[in-house]
Protein backbone atom coordinates (compact mmCIF):
# COMPACT_ATOMS: atom_id res chain seq x y z
CA MET A 1 115.94 78.99 68.33
CA LYS A 2 116.54 82.74 68.39
CA PHE A 3 117.08 82.98 64.63
CA ILE A 4 113.87 81.04 64.03
CA LEU A 5 111.93 83.47 66.20
CA THR A 6 113.45 86.43 64.39
CA SER A 7 112.49 85.01 61.02
CA LEU A 8 108.95 84.28 62.23
CA LEU A 9 108.74 87.78 63.65
CA PHE A 10 109.22 89.32 60.26
CA CYS A 11 107.14 86.74 58.44
CA THR A 12 104.18 87.81 60.57
CA LEU A 13 105.08 91.43 61.24
CA PHE A 14 106.14 92.49 57.78
CA LEU A 15 105.10 89.95 55.15
CA SER A 16 102.06 87.97 56.33
CA ASN A 17 99.93 86.58 53.50
CA VAL A 18 102.31 87.93 50.86
CA GLN A 19 103.13 85.54 48.05
CA LYS A 20 106.37 83.62 48.34
CA LEU A 21 109.46 85.55 47.27
CA HIS A 22 113.03 84.42 46.71
CA ALA A 23 116.33 85.84 47.95
CA HIS A 24 117.11 87.69 51.12
CA PRO A 25 116.37 90.42 52.04
CA HIS A 26 112.57 90.76 51.71
CA THR A 27 112.00 94.16 53.30
CA TRP A 28 114.08 97.31 52.99
CA ILE A 29 114.52 100.22 55.37
CA ASP A 30 116.16 103.59 54.67
CA LEU A 31 117.96 104.42 57.89
CA GLU A 32 118.81 107.65 59.69
CA THR A 33 120.76 107.75 62.94
CA ALA A 34 122.02 110.35 65.40
CA LEU A 35 124.32 109.91 68.38
CA ILE A 36 123.04 111.94 71.34
CA PHE A 37 125.49 113.85 73.55
CA ASP A 38 124.52 114.98 77.04
CA PRO A 39 125.61 118.30 78.66
CA ASP A 40 128.74 116.59 80.03
CA GLY A 41 129.89 115.58 76.56
CA LYS A 42 129.08 111.92 77.05
CA VAL A 43 127.11 109.80 74.59
CA SER A 44 123.76 109.02 76.18
CA GLY A 45 122.02 107.17 73.37
CA LEU A 46 121.21 106.74 69.70
CA TRP A 47 118.22 108.15 67.83
CA VAL A 48 117.09 105.82 65.04
CA GLY A 49 114.77 106.61 62.12
CA TRP A 50 113.31 103.94 59.81
CA LEU A 51 111.60 104.67 56.48
CA PHE A 52 110.03 101.43 55.27
CA ASP A 53 109.90 100.45 51.62
CA ASP A 54 106.82 101.06 49.46
CA PHE A 55 105.77 97.40 49.41
CA TYR A 56 105.76 96.91 53.17
CA SER A 57 104.20 100.33 53.74
CA ALA A 58 101.34 99.60 51.33
CA PHE A 59 100.75 96.20 52.90
CA THR A 60 100.73 97.61 56.44
CA LEU A 61 98.47 100.55 55.62
CA GLU A 62 96.08 98.47 53.50
CA GLU A 63 93.45 98.19 56.24
CA MET A 64 93.80 101.80 57.41
CA THR A 65 91.59 104.32 55.66
CA PRO A 66 93.01 107.84 55.41
CA ASP A 67 90.80 110.87 55.95
CA ALA A 68 89.85 113.41 53.29
CA LYS A 69 93.26 115.07 53.63
CA GLY A 70 95.09 111.78 53.21
CA ASN A 71 96.05 111.51 56.88
CA TYR A 72 96.01 108.19 58.72
CA ASP A 73 94.63 107.66 62.21
CA GLN A 74 97.50 108.50 64.53
CA LYS A 75 96.38 106.16 67.29
CA ALA A 76 96.40 103.22 64.90
CA LEU A 77 99.89 104.16 63.72
CA ASN A 78 101.08 104.54 67.31
CA ASP A 79 99.64 101.16 68.26
CA LEU A 80 101.47 99.57 65.33
CA ALA A 81 104.77 101.21 66.30
CA GLN A 82 104.32 100.19 69.93
CA GLN A 83 103.72 96.57 68.97
CA ASN A 84 106.67 96.56 66.56
CA LEU A 85 108.99 97.92 69.24
CA LYS A 86 107.68 95.43 71.80
CA ASN A 87 108.50 92.57 69.44
CA LEU A 88 111.89 94.06 68.55
CA SER A 89 112.90 94.59 72.18
CA GLU A 90 114.03 90.97 72.42
CA TYR A 91 116.46 91.65 69.58
CA SER A 92 117.93 94.91 70.91
CA TYR A 93 115.66 96.82 68.49
CA PHE A 94 118.12 95.73 65.76
CA THR A 95 120.36 98.47 67.20
CA PHE A 96 123.78 97.39 68.45
CA ILE A 97 125.92 99.96 70.25
CA ASN A 98 129.41 98.86 71.22
CA VAL A 99 131.81 100.37 73.75
CA ASP A 100 135.42 99.21 73.54
CA GLY A 101 134.30 96.29 71.41
CA LYS A 102 131.58 95.06 73.77
CA LYS A 103 127.82 95.50 73.48
CA ALA A 104 126.65 98.38 75.68
CA ALA A 105 123.68 97.93 78.00
CA SER A 106 120.62 100.02 77.15
CA GLN A 107 117.22 100.83 78.56
CA PRO A 108 113.84 99.78 77.09
CA VAL A 109 112.62 102.12 74.36
CA THR A 110 109.87 104.48 75.52
CA ASP A 111 110.44 107.45 73.19
CA TYR A 112 109.09 106.88 69.69
CA LYS A 113 107.09 108.56 66.92
CA THR A 114 105.53 107.40 63.68
CA HIS A 115 103.78 108.84 60.64
CA VAL A 116 103.28 108.26 56.92
CA GLU A 117 105.62 110.14 54.61
CA LYS A 118 104.72 110.15 50.90
CA ASN A 119 102.89 106.82 51.28
CA ARG A 120 105.85 105.27 53.16
CA LEU A 121 105.69 104.36 56.82
CA TRP A 122 108.15 106.16 59.08
CA MET A 123 109.09 105.07 62.61
CA GLU A 124 111.65 106.70 64.89
CA PHE A 125 112.80 105.75 68.36
CA THR A 126 115.61 106.44 70.82
CA VAL A 127 117.82 103.78 72.36
CA THR A 128 119.13 105.18 75.65
CA LEU A 129 122.31 103.73 77.15
CA ALA A 130 122.15 102.42 80.69
CA GLN A 131 125.13 104.65 81.49
CA PRO A 132 126.40 107.60 79.40
CA ILE A 133 129.81 106.92 77.85
CA ASP A 134 132.71 109.35 77.51
CA PRO A 135 133.76 109.16 73.83
CA LYS A 136 137.16 110.66 74.61
CA THR A 137 138.18 107.73 76.76
CA HIS A 138 136.19 104.91 75.15
CA LYS A 139 135.76 103.65 71.60
CA ILE A 140 132.12 103.85 70.50
CA ASP A 141 130.64 102.33 67.37
CA TYR A 142 127.21 101.10 66.34
CA ALA A 143 125.34 99.20 63.67
CA VAL A 144 121.63 98.81 62.90
CA TYR A 145 120.70 95.53 61.23
CA ASP A 146 118.46 92.47 61.26
CA PRO A 147 120.66 89.57 62.45
CA THR A 148 118.96 87.19 59.99
CA TYR A 149 119.18 89.64 57.04
CA TYR A 150 115.47 89.16 56.42
CA VAL A 151 115.32 92.96 56.43
CA GLU A 152 118.03 95.11 54.86
CA ILE A 153 118.69 98.29 56.83
CA LEU A 154 121.08 100.81 55.26
CA HIS A 155 121.55 104.54 55.76
CA ALA A 156 119.60 106.64 53.28
CA ALA A 157 121.52 107.58 50.15
CA GLU A 158 120.27 111.18 50.20
CA GLY A 159 120.30 113.96 52.76
CA ASP A 160 122.29 113.80 56.00
CA PRO A 161 121.46 110.36 57.42
CA ILE A 162 124.09 110.38 60.19
CA GLN A 163 124.24 113.18 62.74
CA LEU A 164 125.74 114.09 66.11
CA ILE A 165 123.29 115.87 68.43
CA GLY A 166 124.19 118.14 71.35
CA GLU A 167 126.41 121.14 71.95
CA LYS A 168 129.16 118.94 73.36
CA SER A 169 129.39 117.00 70.09
CA MET A 170 131.38 119.83 68.53
CA GLY A 171 134.77 118.60 67.40
CA CYS A 172 133.67 114.98 67.15
CA GLY A 173 133.33 113.14 63.86
CA TYR A 174 132.47 109.72 62.52
CA ALA A 175 133.45 107.23 59.87
CA MET A 176 131.06 104.77 58.25
CA LYS A 177 132.31 101.38 57.18
CA LYS A 178 130.22 99.90 54.38
CA PRO A 179 129.44 96.18 54.38
CA GLU A 180 131.75 93.83 52.51
CA PRO A 181 130.09 90.41 52.88
CA PRO A 182 131.99 87.33 51.72
CA LYS A 183 130.95 86.24 48.25
CA GLU A 184 129.67 82.90 49.52
CA LEU A 185 127.31 84.64 51.97
CA SER A 186 125.96 86.91 49.25
CA LEU A 187 125.29 83.90 47.03
CA MET A 188 123.66 82.01 49.90
CA ALA A 189 121.40 84.96 50.75
CA ALA A 190 120.40 85.35 47.11
CA ASP A 191 119.35 81.70 46.97
CA MET A 192 117.29 81.66 50.15
CA ASP A 193 113.51 81.46 50.35
CA LYS A 194 111.56 83.86 52.59
CA ASP A 195 110.79 80.88 54.82
CA GLU A 196 114.47 79.98 55.20
CA THR A 197 117.08 81.47 57.49
CA ALA A 198 120.84 81.27 57.77
CA GLY A 199 120.68 81.97 61.48
CA ASP A 200 121.12 85.15 63.44
CA GLY A 201 124.74 85.71 62.48
CA ILE A 202 124.46 86.55 58.79
CA GLY A 203 123.02 90.07 59.10
CA VAL A 204 126.12 91.66 60.57
CA TYR A 205 128.03 90.95 57.36
CA PHE A 206 125.56 93.11 55.41
CA SER A 207 125.46 95.95 57.94
CA GLU A 208 127.06 99.38 58.04
CA THR A 209 129.22 100.24 61.06
CA VAL A 210 129.55 103.83 62.26
CA GLU A 211 132.61 104.66 64.35
CA LEU A 212 132.71 107.79 66.50
CA SER A 213 135.89 109.78 67.02
CA CYS A 214 136.35 112.64 69.52
CA PRO A 215 139.65 114.48 70.13
């Protein structure tokens, strides 16, 4: 049932009343992430930035009228972000932080911002861990993805999309593992309708994994 709800979430949230398309994914997000270090040198959370594709942005902003300077009503944008995050909370905000190979507990998202950047919708939020984790004694990695692969979320190709924030992050580094989905999954995704789903296990095969290393 969970994968059905996820698919319906994005049918209504991202692509309502849009003509039928073929092949997964149907929405694209340019991703930026930053691991947050606290004053004790522990990882306290992950900042996540999403830049939505032109098609979804245009569809979402269609009923919002910008002012003379081209700016959109901030309250309306905030309300949209708040609703999106509320819906995504059931799915860990599509943000999966692992400690020693197990999913880490996190708090509900309360810190978020949104705006329109060159006609594309931007949303950022912070996932705070329930307990800060010492990266010197624990293995930390994370991935940001839609479990159903209805939405493709990959780090932006330009700029510096992965960062470590905090004075105590000095000396730490990361490695990003790009997705290598099995050929049969790629073919299956390419043949799927927007109203179909392969369940909530396919997305991880198309996701990037970032592994943190601290001496």
